[in-house]
Amino acid sequence: MRVGMMVGPERGRYAAKVDRLRADGRWAEDAGLASVWIPQIPDDFDALTAVAVVAADTTRIEIGTAVVPIQPRHPIALAQHVLSVQAVCDGRLALGLGVSHHWVIDTMLGLPYERPASTMRAYLDVLDQALRGNGNVDVENEVFRVHNPLDITDIAPTPVLLAALGPVMLRLAGERTDGTILWMADERAIGSHVVPTITHAAEAAGRPAPRVVAGIPVCLCGDDEVDVAEARANRILAEAEMSPNYQRLLEHGDARNVGDILAAGSEATIEQRLRSFADAGVTDISVRVMPIGQGRDELVASYQRTRAFVAALTERL
């Protein structure tokens, strides 16, 4: 199982955002991590721009988006952005895409949130051609009418992964992309729902075994502090639970909130928990470090301890 880390969502002084991204990318590469994953948060830094920032200060590590919502961007506009960033990355960009949630697309942006899986399928018709490299993109389907040349980079292909939670999106991910990126999925949901559905679809389409990237909060702490870590995870990360998409995914597993998915406790406890994700079929993990403590100094120390432990896991998982 490949070990990666989520970077970029931390709040703080916006003037230092770029410097933090650069520092986190350099640390992850020097620590031997396989990847870093950058979320697209509705009110925060553009994820693909953040990828370019990290790429400029690294040479080896894979840099992925987790994930870019498709509805606000025409597929040609997104392809231009992606291919340009891929040139900066020298082929290290992995494009995570999703259909987001109704409260982002409809409530916040005022765009239709209807038949999202069908929208993604039509979107991929355009994006598949656009990401193959230089040439004409000619697609006419129920959503798009595109006849557009692209001449940006000959670096191809760009891996695409979908934030696929339900069976229709999981089948689409298996049939058309390199895999899926998950959040709010525990071991049972992954082993009994995600992996069988996406793997069967990939096999039927004659595609390689799909990647399954699981986002997992992690906190290295004492056993007597696990409840504190779970409470903090539920307080900071719980807004996602309100989405019907995540609620349906939770129904496939044992977890009822993000705190139940948190891997917290001693080194041995965390390693055992992460191995259970590998046993469920996860190929990659994206660790969201969840520090605990009273005040900034304790939080920073907790963050650094957990991050160092995650780096040590790269040789053991």
Protein backbone atom coordinates (compact mmCIF):
# COMPACT_ATOMS: atom_id res chain seq x y z
CA MET A 1 0.00 0.00 0.00
CA ARG A 2 1.40 3.39 -1.03
CA VAL A 3 1.49 6.04 1.68
CA GLY A 4 0.60 9.62 0.86
CA MET A 5 -0.48 12.70 2.76
CA MET A 6 -3.17 15.32 2.34
CA VAL A 7 -1.73 18.83 2.25
CA GLY A 8 -3.25 22.25 1.81
CA PRO A 9 -6.48 22.31 3.87
CA GLU A 10 -4.90 23.76 7.00
CA ARG A 11 -6.19 27.20 7.91
CA GLY A 12 -3.87 29.99 8.92
CA ARG A 13 -2.27 33.12 7.55
CA TYR A 14 -3.10 33.32 3.85
CA ALA A 15 0.12 35.21 3.16
CA ALA A 16 2.01 32.05 4.14
CA LYS A 17 -0.13 29.60 2.12
CA VAL A 18 2.29 29.24 -0.79
CA ASP A 19 5.29 28.83 1.50
CA ARG A 20 3.45 26.16 3.50
CA LEU A 21 2.55 24.25 0.35
CA ARG A 22 6.15 24.32 -0.82
CA ALA A 23 7.45 23.23 2.57
CA ASP A 24 4.90 20.41 2.88
CA GLY A 25 5.72 19.13 -0.60
CA ARG A 26 9.46 19.17 0.06
CA TRP A 27 8.97 17.43 3.40
CA ALA A 28 6.80 14.69 1.88
CA GLU A 29 9.28 14.03 -0.91
CA ASP A 30 12.30 14.02 1.40
CA ALA A 31 10.43 11.73 3.82
CA GLY A 32 9.91 9.15 1.08
CA LEU A 33 6.14 9.42 0.77
CA ALA A 34 4.64 8.21 -2.49
CA SER A 35 2.19 11.06 -2.98
CA VAL A 36 0.55 14.21 -1.72
CA TRP A 37 -3.15 14.92 -2.25
CA ILE A 38 -4.58 18.42 -2.37
CA PRO A 39 -8.31 18.95 -1.73
CA GLN A 40 -10.46 21.51 -3.51
CA ILE A 41 -12.23 23.30 -0.67
CA PRO A 42 -15.03 25.67 -1.73
CA ASP A 43 -13.58 28.76 -0.06
CA ASP A 44 -9.86 28.02 -0.31
CA PHE A 45 -6.87 27.88 -2.66
CA ASP A 46 -7.35 26.46 -6.16
CA ALA A 47 -6.18 22.84 -6.02
CA LEU A 48 -4.52 22.70 -9.45
CA THR A 49 -2.64 25.91 -8.74
CA ALA A 50 -1.51 24.36 -5.47
CA VAL A 51 -0.32 21.28 -7.40
CA ALA A 52 1.84 23.53 -9.60
CA VAL A 53 3.29 25.22 -6.50
CA VAL A 54 4.25 21.86 -4.96
CA ALA A 55 5.59 20.54 -8.27
CA ALA A 56 7.97 23.45 -8.69
CA ASP A 57 9.78 22.49 -5.47
CA THR A 58 9.79 18.69 -5.94
CA THR A 59 11.08 16.23 -8.52
CA ARG A 60 9.76 12.74 -7.70
CA ILE A 61 6.57 12.64 -5.69
CA GLU A 62 3.12 12.15 -7.26
CA ILE A 63 0.84 15.15 -6.72
CA GLY A 64 -2.92 14.63 -6.92
CA THR A 65 -6.12 16.61 -6.59
CA ALA A 66 -8.72 15.22 -4.21
CA VAL A 67 -10.88 16.37 -5.84
CA VAL A 68 -11.76 18.98 -8.49
CA PRO A 69 -15.54 19.35 -9.02
CA ILE A 70 -16.49 19.27 -12.69
CA GLN A 71 -19.66 21.37 -12.86
CA PRO A 72 -18.08 24.84 -12.52
CA ARG A 73 -15.59 24.22 -15.38
CA HIS A 74 -16.11 23.35 -19.02
CA PRO A 75 -14.11 20.19 -19.79
CA ILE A 76 -11.93 22.01 -22.34
CA ALA A 77 -11.13 24.77 -19.82
CA LEU A 78 -10.27 22.11 -17.23
CA ALA A 79 -8.19 20.18 -19.76
CA GLN A 80 -6.18 23.29 -20.59
CA HIS A 81 -5.54 23.86 -16.90
CA VAL A 82 -4.67 20.21 -16.24
CA LEU A 83 -2.34 19.84 -19.22
CA SER A 84 -0.56 23.08 -18.34
CA VAL A 85 -0.05 21.93 -14.75
CA GLN A 86 1.02 18.48 -15.98
CA ALA A 87 3.80 20.18 -17.93
CA VAL A 88 4.96 21.84 -14.70
CA CYS A 89 4.73 18.47 -12.93
CA ASP A 90 6.66 16.68 -15.67
CA GLY A 91 4.06 13.90 -15.68
CA ARG A 92 3.52 13.59 -11.90
CA LEU A 93 -0.03 14.97 -11.73
CA ALA A 94 -2.90 12.62 -10.89
CA LEU A 95 -6.26 14.25 -11.57
CA GLY A 96 -8.93 13.49 -9.00
CA LEU A 97 -12.40 14.52 -10.20
CA GLY A 98 -15.80 14.56 -8.56
CA VAL A 99 -19.35 15.79 -8.86
CA SER A 100 -19.18 17.42 -5.41
CA HIS A 101 -22.42 17.81 -3.43
CA HIS A 102 -25.71 19.59 -3.84
CA TRP A 103 -24.87 22.10 -1.11
CA VAL A 104 -21.80 23.21 -3.07
CA ILE A 105 -23.01 23.05 -6.66
CA ASP A 106 -26.64 24.07 -6.19
CA THR A 107 -26.79 26.09 -2.97
CA MET A 108 -23.41 27.85 -3.19
CA LEU A 109 -22.87 28.15 -6.95
CA GLY A 110 -26.42 28.14 -8.26
CA LEU A 111 -25.69 25.43 -10.83
CA PRO A 112 -27.88 22.40 -11.59
CA TYR A 113 -27.16 19.27 -9.55
CA GLU A 114 -29.15 16.78 -11.58
CA ARG A 115 -28.07 13.34 -12.81
CA PRO A 116 -24.48 13.85 -11.62
CA ALA A 117 -23.26 10.45 -12.82
CA SER A 118 -24.61 11.10 -16.32
CA THR A 119 -22.94 14.50 -16.26
CA MET A 120 -19.63 12.89 -15.32
CA ARG A 121 -19.94 10.32 -18.11
CA ALA A 122 -20.54 13.05 -20.69
CA TYR A 123 -17.70 15.10 -19.21
CA LEU A 124 -15.28 12.19 -19.50
CA ASP A 125 -16.16 11.83 -23.20
CA VAL A 126 -14.52 15.22 -23.72
CA LEU A 127 -11.78 14.93 -21.13
CA ASP A 128 -10.61 11.51 -22.32
CA GLN A 129 -9.82 12.92 -25.75
CA ALA A 130 -8.35 16.14 -24.41
CA LEU A 131 -5.90 14.41 -22.06
CA ARG A 132 -4.51 12.06 -24.71
CA GLY A 133 -2.19 14.77 -25.95
CA ASN A 134 -2.06 17.27 -28.76
CA GLY A 135 -4.77 17.11 -31.38
CA ASN A 136 -8.42 17.82 -32.04
CA VAL A 137 -11.13 17.13 -29.49
CA ASP A 138 -14.34 16.21 -31.31
CA VAL A 139 -17.25 15.16 -29.11
CA GLU A 140 -21.01 15.56 -29.40
CA ASN A 141 -23.15 14.00 -26.69
CA GLU A 142 -26.23 14.90 -24.67
CA VAL A 143 -24.37 17.61 -22.73
CA PHE A 144 -21.46 18.86 -24.84
CA ARG A 145 -20.82 19.85 -28.45
CA VAL A 146 -17.06 20.29 -28.71
CA HIS A 147 -14.75 20.70 -31.71
CA ASN A 148 -11.60 22.18 -30.27
CA PRO A 149 -7.87 21.79 -30.98
CA LEU A 150 -5.38 21.52 -28.12
CA ASP A 151 -1.61 21.93 -28.40
CA ILE A 152 -0.24 22.23 -24.86
CA THR A 153 2.03 19.31 -23.98
CA ASP A 154 2.96 15.87 -25.24
CA ILE A 155 3.06 14.48 -21.68
CA ALA A 156 0.34 11.82 -21.67
CA PRO A 157 -1.65 10.20 -20.35
CA THR A 158 -2.76 11.99 -17.17
CA PRO A 159 -4.15 9.49 -14.63
CA VAL A 160 -7.76 10.23 -13.71
CA LEU A 161 -9.50 9.04 -10.56
CA LEU A 162 -13.09 9.67 -9.53
CA ALA A 163 -14.56 10.43 -6.15
CA ALA A 164 -16.96 7.53 -6.57
CA LEU A 165 -19.23 6.63 -3.65
CA GLY A 166 -22.35 5.01 -5.09
CA PRO A 167 -22.58 1.98 -7.40
CA VAL A 168 -23.18 3.96 -10.61
CA MET A 169 -20.15 6.20 -10.10
CA LEU A 170 -18.02 3.26 -8.98
CA ARG A 171 -18.87 1.37 -12.15
CA LEU A 172 -18.07 4.46 -14.20
CA ALA A 173 -14.74 4.82 -12.41
CA GLY A 174 -13.87 1.20 -13.14
CA GLU A 175 -14.93 1.39 -16.78
CA ARG A 176 -13.39 4.74 -17.68
CA THR A 177 -10.68 5.83 -15.21
CA ASP A 178 -7.69 4.67 -13.19
CA GLY A 179 -9.54 4.30 -9.91
CA THR A 180 -11.30 6.11 -7.09
CA ILE A 181 -10.52 8.55 -4.30
CA LEU A 182 -12.50 8.02 -1.10
CA TRP A 183 -13.43 9.98 1.98
CA MET A 184 -15.73 8.79 4.77
CA ALA A 185 -15.24 5.12 3.85
CA ASP A 186 -14.29 2.55 6.48
CA GLU A 187 -12.87 -0.91 5.93
CA ARG A 188 -16.20 -2.71 5.58
CA ALA A 189 -17.59 -0.16 3.12
CA ILE A 190 -14.41 -0.48 1.06
CA GLY A 191 -14.13 -4.25 1.20
CA SER A 192 -17.78 -5.12 0.62
CA HIS A 193 -18.95 -2.25 -1.59
CA VAL A 194 -16.23 -0.12 -3.18
CA VAL A 195 -13.60 -2.65 -4.22
CA PRO A 196 -15.92 -5.36 -5.63
CA THR A 197 -17.96 -2.86 -7.63
CA ILE A 198 -15.09 -0.92 -9.17
CA THR A 199 -12.93 -4.00 -9.75
CA HIS A 200 -15.67 -5.92 -11.53
CA ALA A 201 -16.36 -2.91 -13.76
CA ALA A 202 -12.68 -2.55 -14.63
CA GLU A 203 -12.35 -6.25 -15.45
CA ALA A 204 -15.44 -6.16 -17.66
CA ALA A 205 -14.01 -3.17 -19.52
CA GLY A 206 -10.64 -4.85 -19.97
CA ARG A 207 -8.87 -2.27 -17.82
CA PRO A 208 -6.11 -2.82 -15.24
CA ALA A 209 -6.95 -3.25 -11.58
CA PRO A 210 -8.09 0.16 -10.30
CA ARG A 211 -6.38 2.24 -7.67
CA VAL A 212 -8.37 2.75 -4.47
CA VAL A 213 -7.12 5.83 -2.61
CA ALA A 214 -8.57 6.14 0.88
CA GLY A 215 -8.47 9.39 2.83
CA ILE A 216 -7.87 8.55 6.49
CA PRO A 217 -7.45 10.93 9.45
CA VAL A 218 -4.57 9.88 11.71
CA CYS A 219 -3.49 10.97 15.19
CA LEU A 220 -0.53 9.53 17.10
CA CYS A 221 -1.44 9.85 20.76
CA GLY A 222 -1.75 7.99 24.03
CA ASP A 223 -4.49 5.42 24.38
CA ASP A 224 -6.09 7.67 26.98
CA GLU A 225 -6.27 10.48 24.40
CA VAL A 226 -8.12 8.60 21.64
CA ASP A 227 -11.49 9.97 22.74
CA VAL A 228 -10.06 13.50 22.54
CA ALA A 229 -8.77 12.85 19.02
CA GLU A 230 -12.09 11.42 17.90
CA ALA A 231 -13.98 14.38 19.31
CA ARG A 232 -11.68 16.83 17.54
CA ALA A 233 -11.99 14.96 14.24
CA ASN A 234 -15.77 15.03 14.55
CA ARG A 235 -15.70 18.74 15.31
CA ILE A 236 -13.31 19.78 12.52
CA LEU A 237 -14.21 17.34 9.73
CA ALA A 238 -17.85 16.56 10.41
CA GLU A 239 -19.49 18.88 7.87
CA ALA A 240 -18.97 16.30 5.13
CA GLU A 241 -21.22 13.87 6.99
CA MET A 242 -24.21 16.05 6.16
CA SER A 243 -23.96 15.21 2.46
CA PRO A 244 -26.40 12.53 1.29
CA ASN A 245 -23.58 11.08 -0.84
CA TYR A 246 -21.46 10.39 2.25
CA GLN A 247 -24.44 9.26 4.28
CA ARG A 248 -25.19 6.57 1.71
CA LEU A 249 -21.56 5.47 1.79
CA LEU A 250 -21.59 5.26 5.57
CA GLU A 251 -24.55 2.88 5.33
CA HIS A 252 -22.26 0.32 3.68
CA GLY A 253 -19.86 0.29 6.65
CA ASP A 254 -19.65 0.27 10.42
CA ALA A 255 -18.58 3.91 10.88
CA ARG A 256 -21.21 6.48 11.71
CA ASN A 257 -18.99 9.56 11.68
CA VAL A 258 -15.49 10.63 10.69
CA GLY A 259 -14.23 9.94 14.21
CA ASP A 260 -14.98 6.25 13.67
CA ILE A 261 -12.67 6.26 10.63
CA LEU A 262 -9.87 8.07 12.46
CA ALA A 263 -6.79 5.91 13.10
CA ALA A 264 -5.69 7.08 16.54
CA GLY A 265 -3.61 5.81 19.43
CA SER A 266 -0.19 4.22 19.70
CA GLU A 267 2.08 3.41 16.77
CA ALA A 268 1.07 -0.24 16.91
CA THR A 269 -2.64 0.61 17.05
CA ILE A 270 -2.46 2.94 14.06
CA GLU A 271 -0.38 0.55 11.99
CA GLN A 272 -2.82 -2.27 12.68
CA ARG A 273 -5.75 -0.04 11.67
CA LEU A 274 -4.08 1.04 8.43
CA ARG A 275 -3.25 -2.58 7.59
CA SER A 276 -6.94 -3.34 7.88
CA PHE A 277 -7.57 -0.81 5.10
CA ALA A 278 -4.96 -2.58 2.96
CA ASP A 279 -6.66 -5.91 3.66
CA ALA A 280 -9.94 -4.37 2.46
CA GLY A 281 -8.34 -3.58 -0.91
CA VAL A 282 -6.99 -0.06 -0.50
CA THR A 283 -3.96 0.54 -2.74
CA ASP A 284 -3.07 4.04 -1.51
CA ILE A 285 -3.78 6.03 1.63
CA SER A 286 -3.98 9.80 1.89
CA VAL A 287 -3.34 10.66 5.52
CA ARG A 288 -5.06 13.70 7.01
CA VAL A 289 -2.99 14.46 10.09
CA MET A 290 -5.29 15.27 13.02
CA PRO A 291 -3.28 16.89 15.84
CA ILE A 292 -4.54 17.37 19.36
CA GLY A 293 -3.45 19.62 22.19
CA GLN A 294 -4.10 22.75 24.18
CA GLY A 295 -2.79 25.79 22.33
CA ARG A 296 -0.67 26.22 19.24
CA ASP A 297 2.58 24.73 20.59
CA GLU A 298 0.95 21.46 21.61
CA LEU A 299 -0.95 21.22 18.32
CA VAL A 300 2.23 21.78 16.31
CA ALA A 301 4.12 19.19 18.34
CA SER A 302 1.31 16.66 17.88
CA TYR A 303 1.19 17.36 14.15
CA GLN A 304 4.94 16.85 13.78
CA ARG A 305 4.93 13.60 15.80
CA THR A 306 2.13 12.14 13.74
CA ARG A 307 3.66 13.24 10.46
CA ALA A 308 7.04 11.72 11.33
CA PHE A 309 5.34 8.44 12.25
CA VAL A 310 3.45 8.38 8.95
CA ALA A 311 6.74 8.83 7.09
CA ALA A 312 8.18 5.82 8.95
CA LEU A 313 5.25 3.72 7.76
CA THR A 314 6.30 4.01 4.12
CA GLU A 315 8.73 1.13 4.62
CA ARG A 316 6.31 -1.04 6.63
CA LEU A 317 2.96 -0.91 4.82
